[in-house]
């Protein structure tokens, strides 16, 4: 029963969610991917593994001892399922949704369409400064216009030889 639930939730609901083109464009690298992965893999294969262990335990333990062990098996089953549901619903999914929202804001800022919220401006400026210390970063706004900035900060049109 748990395998069917997690297969539907992890692979069906969250798998469908991250494969929609508009979501997939912005969600790459966010917690929506591990949300889908944990729900589908742990929910299906983890629960199948637990079921196999319980099956073997039931076959190897005498009936008199099984009566004492069954309450621990039930507690473990519900603990695993409730814990997985809490991890997905209270941690990975909300943080993934917030990351998608923030990633859209960062892309709008990089393209010059909209100012970035103040809490992210400083962070993005530090990231850009650190990346520029390593090497040149292409200007996204000029890339749309067909120009790019070279290593010596001269602007050229695409497919034209660099001057200077």
Protein backbone atom coordinates (compact mmCIF):
# COMPACT_ATOMS: atom_id res chain seq x y z
CA UNK A 1 0.00 0.00 0.00
CA UNK A 2 2.81 2.43 0.84
CA UNK A 3 4.61 1.60 -2.40
CA UNK A 4 1.52 2.48 -4.44
CA UNK A 5 1.02 5.74 -2.55
CA UNK A 6 4.64 6.87 -2.93
CA UNK A 7 4.78 5.76 -6.55
CA UNK A 8 1.76 7.94 -7.32
CA UNK A 9 2.99 10.87 -5.20
CA UNK A 10 6.70 10.82 -6.05
CA UNK A 11 6.70 9.73 -9.67
CA UNK A 12 3.19 10.83 -10.62
CA UNK A 13 2.57 14.16 -8.88
CA UNK A 14 6.09 15.51 -8.30
CA UNK A 15 7.51 13.90 -11.45
CA UNK A 16 4.80 15.52 -13.55
CA UNK A 17 5.34 18.82 -11.76
CA UNK A 18 9.05 19.09 -12.55
CA UNK A 19 8.65 17.93 -16.17
CA UNK A 20 6.24 20.68 -17.20
CA UNK A 21 8.30 22.92 -19.53
CA UNK A 22 7.69 26.21 -17.71
CA UNK A 23 8.61 24.67 -14.35
CA UNK A 24 11.52 22.68 -15.75
CA UNK A 25 13.05 25.84 -17.24
CA UNK A 26 13.35 27.49 -13.83
CA UNK A 27 13.61 24.52 -11.44
CA UNK A 28 16.88 22.94 -12.57
CA UNK A 29 19.15 22.78 -9.54
CA UNK A 30 16.45 23.47 -6.96
CA UNK A 31 15.02 21.27 -4.22
CA UNK A 32 12.07 20.26 -6.40
CA UNK A 33 14.28 17.63 -8.06
CA UNK A 34 15.36 15.89 -4.81
CA UNK A 35 11.75 16.23 -3.64
CA UNK A 36 10.65 14.12 -6.62
CA UNK A 37 13.63 11.78 -6.27
CA UNK A 38 13.21 11.06 -2.56
CA UNK A 39 9.47 10.55 -2.81
CA UNK A 40 9.77 8.22 -5.79
CA UNK A 41 12.92 6.25 -4.92
CA UNK A 42 12.64 5.96 -1.13
CA UNK A 43 8.89 5.73 -1.30
CA UNK A 44 8.92 2.89 -3.82
CA UNK A 45 12.20 1.01 -3.52
CA UNK A 46 12.78 1.82 0.14
CA UNK A 47 9.34 0.56 1.09
CA UNK A 48 9.80 -2.54 -1.09
CA UNK A 49 13.05 -3.20 0.80
CA UNK A 50 11.29 -2.79 4.14
CA UNK A 51 8.52 -5.13 2.95
CA UNK A 52 11.10 -7.76 1.95
CA UNK A 53 12.79 -7.50 5.36
CA UNK A 54 9.44 -7.85 7.16
CA UNK A 55 8.55 -10.84 4.97
CA UNK A 56 11.85 -12.57 5.80
CA UNK A 57 11.53 -11.66 9.49
CA UNK A 58 8.00 -13.05 9.61
CA UNK A 59 9.10 -16.32 8.03
CA UNK A 60 12.12 -16.78 10.30
CA UNK A 61 10.61 -15.78 13.65
CA UNK A 62 8.39 -18.09 15.66
CA UNK A 63 4.73 -17.10 16.08
CA UNK A 64 5.16 -16.53 19.82
CA UNK A 65 7.95 -13.96 19.23
CA UNK A 66 6.19 -12.35 16.26
CA UNK A 67 3.36 -11.13 18.49
CA UNK A 68 5.92 -9.04 20.44
CA UNK A 69 7.78 -7.83 17.31
CA UNK A 70 4.73 -6.84 15.28
CA UNK A 71 4.16 -3.60 17.20
CA UNK A 72 7.75 -2.51 16.43
CA UNK A 73 7.29 -3.34 12.76
CA UNK A 74 4.09 -1.27 12.66
CA UNK A 75 5.83 1.62 14.43
CA UNK A 76 8.74 1.44 11.98
CA UNK A 77 6.42 1.35 8.97
CA UNK A 78 4.40 4.37 10.05
CA UNK A 79 7.53 6.18 11.25
CA UNK A 80 9.22 5.79 7.87
CA UNK A 81 6.14 6.92 5.96
CA UNK A 82 5.34 9.88 8.21
CA UNK A 83 9.01 10.92 8.30
CA UNK A 84 9.28 10.79 4.51
CA UNK A 85 6.04 12.76 4.13
CA UNK A 86 7.25 15.40 6.61
CA UNK A 87 10.62 15.71 4.85
CA UNK A 88 8.89 16.22 1.52
CA UNK A 89 6.01 18.45 2.59
CA UNK A 90 7.75 20.59 5.21
CA UNK A 91 11.30 20.81 3.85
CA UNK A 92 12.05 19.94 0.23
CA UNK A 93 8.86 21.08 -1.49
CA UNK A 94 8.53 24.51 0.19
CA UNK A 95 12.24 25.27 -0.23
CA UNK A 96 12.07 24.17 -3.89
CA UNK A 97 9.12 26.48 -4.56
CA UNK A 98 10.97 29.39 -2.90
CA UNK A 99 14.10 28.62 -4.93
CA UNK A 100 12.11 28.66 -8.18
CA UNK A 101 10.61 32.03 -7.22
CA UNK A 102 14.03 33.43 -6.35
CA UNK A 103 15.64 31.97 -9.49
CA UNK A 104 13.03 33.71 -11.67
CA UNK A 105 13.81 36.97 -9.86
CA UNK A 106 17.55 36.51 -10.44
CA UNK A 107 17.04 35.80 -14.16
CA UNK A 108 14.87 38.92 -14.51
CA UNK A 109 17.62 40.90 -12.78
CA UNK A 110 20.35 39.46 -15.03
CA UNK A 111 18.33 40.33 -18.13
CA UNK A 112 17.76 43.86 -16.86
CA UNK A 113 13.97 43.47 -16.85
CA UNK A 114 13.29 44.03 -13.16
CA UNK A 115 15.33 45.03 -10.10
CA UNK A 116 16.27 42.25 -7.72
CA UNK A 117 14.89 42.36 -4.16
CA UNK A 118 17.43 44.06 -1.85
CA UNK A 119 18.25 40.89 0.10
CA UNK A 120 19.43 39.21 -3.09
CA UNK A 121 21.20 42.18 -4.68
CA UNK A 122 24.13 41.97 -2.30
CA UNK A 123 24.40 38.19 -2.63
CA UNK A 124 24.28 38.30 -6.44
CA UNK A 125 26.80 41.14 -6.59
CA UNK A 126 29.20 39.11 -4.42
CA UNK A 127 28.74 36.04 -6.61
CA UNK A 128 29.32 38.06 -9.79
CA UNK A 129 32.41 39.71 -8.27
CA UNK A 130 33.85 36.34 -7.25
CA UNK A 131 33.15 34.89 -10.70
CA UNK A 132 34.72 37.90 -12.44
CA UNK A 133 37.85 37.40 -10.36
CA UNK A 134 38.15 33.95 -11.97
CA UNK A 135 37.39 35.03 -15.54
CA UNK A 136 35.16 37.15 -17.76
CA UNK A 137 31.40 36.75 -17.53
CA UNK A 138 29.27 37.23 -20.67
CA UNK A 139 26.81 40.10 -20.49
CA UNK A 140 23.33 38.53 -20.79
CA UNK A 141 21.65 41.72 -22.03
CA UNK A 142 24.13 42.18 -24.87
CA UNK A 143 23.97 38.47 -25.73
CA UNK A 144 20.34 38.97 -26.73
CA UNK A 145 21.40 41.81 -29.04
CA UNK A 146 24.13 39.72 -30.69
CA UNK A 147 27.13 41.38 -29.04
CA UNK A 148 29.54 40.17 -26.42
CA UNK A 149 32.28 41.57 -24.23
CA UNK A 150 35.75 40.12 -24.76
CA UNK A 151 38.53 39.59 -22.26
CA UNK A 152 39.94 43.08 -22.90
CA UNK A 153 36.45 44.63 -22.38
CA UNK A 154 35.96 45.57 -26.04
CA UNK A 155 32.46 44.99 -27.39
CA UNK A 156 32.10 43.18 -30.73
CA UNK A 157 29.23 41.84 -32.80
CA UNK A 158 28.88 38.05 -32.89
CA UNK A 159 30.67 36.34 -35.79
CA UNK A 160 32.96 39.34 -36.35
CA UNK A 161 36.71 39.25 -35.69
CA UNK A 162 37.86 40.93 -32.51
CA UNK A 163 39.52 44.29 -33.07
CA UNK A 164 42.56 45.52 -31.22
